[in-house]
Amino acid sequence: MSDMRVADLRGRLEAVPSEKLSTFISETVRAKLHSAAKTLKAAYRAVSKEQWRTSFADDWKHIGGEG
């Protein structure tokens, strides 16, 4: 992390009352993970539309799955 980002984070953490620190961290991590999940889902949707992948799907449909 750059010194500037560390200083920014330290400043924001010091502004949070100690009894709310856990909530602050949880909400921050949750927001970051949610954002990553949305990006990942969008990437999967985009990949599923690629034409060259269709041939692989046809190959795998003949292989028995679970159940």
Foldseek 3Di string as FASTA:
>chain_A
DDPVVVVVVVVVQVVDPPVCNVVVVVVVVVVVVVVVVVVVVVVVVVVVPDPVCVVVVVVCVVPDDDD
